[in-house]
Amino acid sequence: MGAPQWPGDIFRALVDLGVRQVAYVPDAGHSRLLDLCAGEATMTMVPLTTEEEGMALLAGAWLGGQRGVLLMQSSGVGNCLNMLSLVRTCRFPLLVLVTMRGQEGEANPWQLPMGRITGDLLRLQEVFVHAVDDEARLGEVVGTAGEAVFAGPGAAAVLIAQSLVGVKTFED
């Protein structure tokens, strides 16, 4: 089995959307997408220490006339819940790509609770959630979600199934 195609599909969707800032907490699940974005001259990569910093950064990007995206793992969604009030109150667009953990095959018990409730928590904060487990649809879903977010403005999260990212194993 070769390298997954979805990072390239998502990258092309981000380019087509005019995304200029890529805020991220380093994550192995996003590594290929991050490499593609880092190689794009029109995109600025902004590493974060915590996921919620990305929401403030993207608010500033929008005020400065640029579109951005926030990349994180599902465990980081819990860190962002309070900051989503900024998105709702100030009505700026937020596009989040979340690599899922805590789904079928997860070996780390610490990932299970958040993996089970990620989508529900985002919906409670009025974020449109698009859970995708079909690699062939990821680019299209990111493009559609991004168009809606940037036209809205609103907030949308694309949850990338753990089956597409791969299950991390911990060998002794």
Protein backbone atom coordinates (compact mmCIF):
# COMPACT_ATOMS: atom_id res chain seq x y z
CA MET A 1 0.00 0.00 0.00
CA GLY A 2 1.44 3.35 -1.04
CA ALA A 3 1.32 6.68 0.70
CA PRO A 4 -2.19 7.99 1.24
CA GLN A 5 -3.45 10.49 -1.32
CA TRP A 6 -5.61 12.54 1.02
CA PRO A 7 -2.87 14.96 2.17
CA GLY A 8 -2.36 16.03 -1.44
CA ASP A 9 -6.09 16.35 -2.02
CA ILE A 10 -6.48 18.52 1.08
CA PHE A 11 -3.45 20.61 0.10
CA ARG A 12 -4.95 21.34 -3.32
CA ALA A 13 -8.25 22.32 -1.68
CA LEU A 14 -6.42 24.72 0.66
CA VAL A 15 -4.56 26.30 -2.27
CA ASP A 16 -7.82 26.66 -4.20
CA LEU A 17 -9.43 28.29 -1.13
CA GLY A 18 -6.64 30.87 -0.95
CA VAL A 19 -5.43 29.77 2.48
CA ARG A 20 -2.31 31.76 3.43
CA GLN A 21 -1.72 30.85 7.07
CA VAL A 22 -1.43 27.31 8.41
CA ALA A 23 -1.58 27.14 12.20
CA TYR A 24 -0.71 23.76 13.67
CA VAL A 25 0.36 21.79 16.67
CA PRO A 26 2.89 19.24 15.36
CA ASP A 27 1.10 15.96 14.66
CA ALA A 28 2.34 12.87 12.85
CA GLY A 29 -1.11 12.43 11.27
CA HIS A 30 -0.76 15.78 9.49
CA SER A 31 2.95 15.42 8.67
CA ARG A 32 2.63 15.00 4.91
CA LEU A 33 0.07 17.81 4.63
CA LEU A 34 2.34 20.05 6.73
CA ASP A 35 5.28 19.27 4.43
CA LEU A 36 3.21 20.17 1.36
CA CYS A 37 2.05 23.44 2.91
CA ALA A 38 5.60 24.31 4.02
CA GLY A 39 6.74 23.93 0.42
CA GLU A 40 4.09 26.36 -0.87
CA ALA A 41 5.50 29.89 -1.18
CA THR A 42 2.10 31.51 -0.61
CA MET A 43 1.55 29.80 2.75
CA THR A 44 3.01 30.79 6.11
CA MET A 45 3.44 27.99 8.61
CA VAL A 46 2.79 28.92 12.25
CA PRO A 47 3.65 26.26 14.83
CA LEU A 48 1.65 26.54 18.06
CA THR A 49 2.28 25.46 21.62
CA THR A 50 -1.44 24.88 22.21
CA GLU A 51 -4.36 24.50 19.84
CA GLU A 52 -6.39 27.41 21.19
CA GLU A 53 -3.61 29.82 20.16
CA GLY A 54 -4.54 28.95 16.60
CA MET A 55 -8.01 30.41 16.95
CA ALA A 56 -6.65 33.78 18.06
CA LEU A 57 -4.03 33.65 15.31
CA LEU A 58 -6.66 32.95 12.65
CA ALA A 59 -8.86 35.76 13.96
CA GLY A 60 -5.90 38.10 13.42
CA ALA A 61 -5.22 36.62 10.00
CA TRP A 62 -8.83 37.26 8.96
CA LEU A 63 -8.69 40.84 10.26
CA GLY A 64 -5.51 41.27 8.23
CA GLY A 65 -7.19 40.01 5.07
CA GLN A 66 -5.83 36.47 5.00
CA ARG A 67 -7.47 33.07 5.16
CA GLY A 68 -6.11 30.40 7.43
CA VAL A 69 -6.59 26.85 8.61
CA LEU A 70 -5.96 25.19 11.97
CA LEU A 71 -4.55 21.65 12.01
CA MET A 72 -4.71 19.56 15.16
CA GLN A 73 -5.30 16.13 16.63
CA SER A 74 -8.63 15.27 18.25
CA SER A 75 -7.12 15.43 21.74
CA GLY A 76 -6.51 19.16 21.15
CA VAL A 77 -10.19 19.93 20.59
CA GLY A 78 -10.76 19.93 24.34
CA ASN A 79 -8.17 22.70 24.68
CA CYS A 80 -10.18 24.89 22.29
CA LEU A 81 -13.67 24.77 23.72
CA ASN A 82 -13.53 28.06 25.58
CA MET A 83 -11.83 29.86 22.67
CA LEU A 84 -14.68 28.85 20.37
CA SER A 85 -16.67 31.59 22.11
CA LEU A 86 -14.33 34.06 20.40
CA VAL A 87 -15.25 32.58 17.03
CA ARG A 88 -18.98 32.71 17.77
CA THR A 89 -18.99 36.19 19.29
CA CYS A 90 -16.67 37.87 16.77
CA ARG A 91 -18.05 35.95 13.80
CA PHE A 92 -14.84 35.23 11.97
CA PRO A 93 -14.32 32.17 9.80
CA LEU A 94 -12.64 29.12 11.28
CA LEU A 95 -11.64 26.04 9.31
CA VAL A 96 -10.17 23.22 11.40
CA LEU A 97 -8.76 19.92 10.18
CA VAL A 98 -8.68 17.31 12.93
CA THR A 99 -6.86 14.00 12.73
CA MET A 100 -8.80 11.61 14.91
CA ARG A 101 -7.52 9.42 17.70
CA GLY A 102 -9.49 7.21 20.06
CA GLN A 103 -11.36 5.40 17.33
CA GLU A 104 -11.29 1.73 16.34
CA GLY A 105 -7.90 0.15 16.95
CA GLU A 106 -6.60 2.85 19.31
CA ALA A 107 -3.87 1.47 21.58
CA ASN A 108 -3.58 4.49 23.88
CA PRO A 109 -6.38 4.55 26.48
CA TRP A 110 -5.81 8.27 27.11
CA GLN A 111 -7.05 9.01 23.58
CA LEU A 112 -10.35 7.16 23.92
CA PRO A 113 -12.51 9.68 25.83
CA MET A 114 -11.86 12.68 23.58
CA GLY A 115 -11.94 10.54 20.46
CA ARG A 116 -15.47 9.50 21.30
CA ILE A 117 -16.86 12.99 21.94
CA THR A 118 -14.87 15.29 19.62
CA GLY A 119 -17.68 15.82 17.11
CA ASP A 120 -20.31 16.31 19.80
CA LEU A 121 -18.24 18.94 21.61
CA LEU A 122 -17.69 20.88 18.41
CA ARG A 123 -21.39 20.73 17.51
CA LEU A 124 -22.30 22.09 20.95
CA GLN A 125 -20.16 25.14 20.11
CA GLU A 126 -22.05 25.57 16.81
CA VAL A 127 -19.23 24.25 14.64
CA PHE A 128 -20.33 22.40 11.52
CA VAL A 129 -18.74 18.96 11.73
CA HIS A 130 -17.83 16.86 8.71
CA ALA A 131 -16.59 13.42 9.74
CA VAL A 132 -14.84 11.74 6.81
CA ASP A 133 -13.69 8.14 6.62
CA ASP A 134 -13.47 7.94 2.81
CA GLU A 135 -10.08 9.10 1.51
CA ALA A 136 -11.52 9.90 -1.92
CA ARG A 137 -13.87 12.51 -0.40
CA LEU A 138 -11.46 14.43 1.85
CA GLY A 139 -10.31 17.05 -0.64
CA GLU A 140 -13.87 17.75 -1.75
CA VAL A 141 -15.17 17.98 1.83
CA VAL A 142 -12.37 20.37 2.87
CA GLY A 143 -13.09 22.52 -0.19
CA THR A 144 -16.82 22.64 0.48
CA ALA A 145 -16.38 23.31 4.20
CA GLY A 146 -13.84 26.04 3.46
CA GLU A 147 -16.08 27.74 0.91
CA ALA A 148 -18.94 27.84 3.42
CA VAL A 149 -16.72 29.07 6.25
CA PHE A 150 -15.08 31.87 4.30
CA ALA A 151 -18.36 32.98 2.71
CA GLY A 152 -20.27 32.79 6.02
CA PRO A 153 -18.39 33.46 8.14
CA GLY A 154 -18.80 30.40 10.29
CA ALA A 155 -16.85 27.54 11.78
CA ALA A 156 -16.36 24.07 10.38
CA ALA A 157 -14.25 21.11 11.38
CA VAL A 158 -13.31 18.23 9.14
CA LEU A 159 -12.66 15.14 11.25
CA ILE A 160 -10.23 12.84 9.45
CA ALA A 161 -10.94 9.28 10.57
CA GLN A 162 -8.21 7.39 12.37
CA SER A 163 -8.54 4.65 9.76
CA LEU A 164 -7.14 7.14 7.20
CA VAL A 165 -4.40 8.46 9.45
CA GLY A 166 -3.31 5.08 10.75
CA VAL A 167 -3.32 3.58 14.18
CA LYS A 168 -0.27 4.30 16.31
CA THR A 169 1.14 1.25 18.05
CA PHE A 170 3.33 1.18 21.11
CA GLU A 171 5.84 -1.65 21.08
CA ASP A 172 7.67 -2.71 24.28
